[in-house]
């Protein structure tokens, strides 16, 4: 099992693999986070609210991804709404699976 992107935050910023990807987020506001794992390039592209904000190296090189783990190690609550998984196919992102949390 590998971790390819570790997404974290502090009191002001979001980070992906230790690289600051978003400044001065607003507490208690929902954000739409998108992560594109580009395994052939060993990169992850991070989007926040529909805007590309960063490209970071994958923490561990991999050729495929077969699971996703979402966790929170802080004392503050983190809420996940919907999680969608897409795959790159025929030169476009296609919906592969959706997870709905209520």
Protein backbone atom coordinates (compact mmCIF):
# COMPACT_ATOMS: atom_id res chain seq x y z
CA UNK A 1 0.00 0.00 0.00
CA UNK A 2 1.37 3.38 -1.05
CA UNK A 3 0.42 6.95 -0.32
CA UNK A 4 0.67 8.92 -3.53
CA UNK A 5 -0.88 12.19 -2.31
CA UNK A 6 -1.08 13.30 1.30
CA UNK A 7 -3.48 16.26 1.50
CA UNK A 8 -3.16 18.28 4.72
CA UNK A 9 -4.00 21.69 6.15
CA UNK A 10 -2.96 24.03 8.91
CA UNK A 11 -4.82 27.05 10.31
CA UNK A 12 -4.54 28.93 6.99
CA UNK A 13 -3.46 26.78 4.06
CA UNK A 14 -3.97 23.50 2.18
CA UNK A 15 -0.97 21.33 1.26
CA UNK A 16 -0.41 18.38 -1.07
CA UNK A 17 2.68 16.29 -0.29
CA UNK A 18 4.00 19.16 1.81
CA UNK A 19 3.63 21.77 -0.97
CA UNK A 20 1.30 24.69 -0.23
CA UNK A 21 -1.47 24.55 -2.84
CA UNK A 22 -4.03 27.04 -1.44
CA UNK A 23 -3.59 30.16 0.73
CA UNK A 24 -5.88 31.49 3.42
CA UNK A 25 -8.84 29.14 3.25
CA UNK A 26 -12.00 30.16 5.09
CA UNK A 27 -12.91 27.99 8.07
CA UNK A 28 -16.32 26.27 8.00
CA UNK A 29 -16.69 26.80 4.25
CA UNK A 30 -17.13 23.87 1.87
CA UNK A 31 -14.44 23.44 -0.79
CA UNK A 32 -14.51 21.33 -3.92
CA UNK A 33 -11.16 19.54 -4.12
CA UNK A 34 -10.08 17.68 -7.24
CA UNK A 35 -6.96 15.59 -7.49
CA UNK A 36 -5.75 14.24 -10.82
CA UNK A 37 -3.20 11.47 -10.34
CA UNK A 38 -1.13 11.35 -13.52
CA UNK A 39 0.79 8.15 -12.91
CA UNK A 40 2.69 8.15 -16.21
CA UNK A 41 4.14 11.58 -15.35
CA UNK A 42 4.53 10.86 -11.61
CA UNK A 43 2.50 14.03 -10.90
CA UNK A 44 -0.71 15.06 -9.18
CA UNK A 45 -2.66 18.10 -10.34
CA UNK A 46 -4.66 19.80 -7.60
CA UNK A 47 -7.82 21.82 -8.28
CA UNK A 48 -9.76 23.89 -5.73
CA UNK A 49 -13.26 25.11 -6.58
CA UNK A 50 -12.81 24.46 -10.29
CA UNK A 51 -9.44 26.20 -10.59
CA UNK A 52 -6.12 24.42 -11.12
CA UNK A 53 -3.91 25.56 -8.24
CA UNK A 54 -0.84 23.31 -8.28
CA UNK A 55 1.05 20.36 -9.70
CA UNK A 56 3.07 18.26 -7.26
CA UNK A 57 5.18 15.12 -7.49
CA UNK A 58 3.52 11.92 -6.35
CA UNK A 59 4.83 10.88 -2.93
CA UNK A 60 5.44 7.34 -4.26
CA UNK A 61 5.74 6.43 -7.92
CA UNK A 62 3.04 4.06 -9.14
CA UNK A 63 1.59 2.83 -12.40
CA UNK A 64 -1.96 2.31 -11.14
CA UNK A 65 -4.32 3.14 -8.30
CA UNK A 66 -6.70 0.57 -6.86
CA UNK A 67 -8.05 2.26 -3.71
CA UNK A 68 -8.61 5.57 -1.97
CA UNK A 69 -8.27 6.28 1.73
CA UNK A 70 -9.72 9.45 3.27
CA UNK A 71 -8.72 10.09 6.87
CA UNK A 72 -8.39 12.87 9.40
CA UNK A 73 -5.64 12.92 12.02
CA UNK A 74 -6.53 16.26 13.64
CA UNK A 75 -8.83 17.07 16.53
CA UNK A 76 -10.99 19.19 14.21
CA UNK A 77 -13.87 17.59 12.35
CA UNK A 78 -13.57 17.13 8.60
CA UNK A 79 -16.65 16.46 6.51
CA UNK A 80 -16.71 14.76 3.13
CA UNK A 81 -19.72 15.18 0.90
CA UNK A 82 -19.51 13.29 -2.38
CA UNK A 83 -16.39 11.59 -3.70
CA UNK A 84 -16.20 10.86 -7.42
CA UNK A 85 -13.55 8.72 -9.08
CA UNK A 86 -12.76 9.28 -12.76
CA UNK A 87 -10.46 7.42 -15.10
CA UNK A 88 -8.57 8.73 -18.10
CA UNK A 89 -9.93 6.99 -21.16
CA UNK A 90 -10.03 7.96 -24.82
CA UNK A 91 -8.32 11.29 -24.05
CA UNK A 92 -10.96 12.41 -21.54
CA UNK A 93 -11.89 11.93 -17.88
CA UNK A 94 -14.83 9.52 -17.50
CA UNK A 95 -16.79 8.90 -14.32
CA UNK A 96 -15.79 5.54 -12.87
CA UNK A 97 -17.47 5.48 -9.42
CA UNK A 98 -19.33 7.84 -7.08
CA UNK A 99 -19.52 7.62 -3.30
CA UNK A 100 -22.30 9.65 -1.69
CA UNK A 101 -22.06 10.53 2.00
CA UNK A 102 -25.12 11.74 3.87
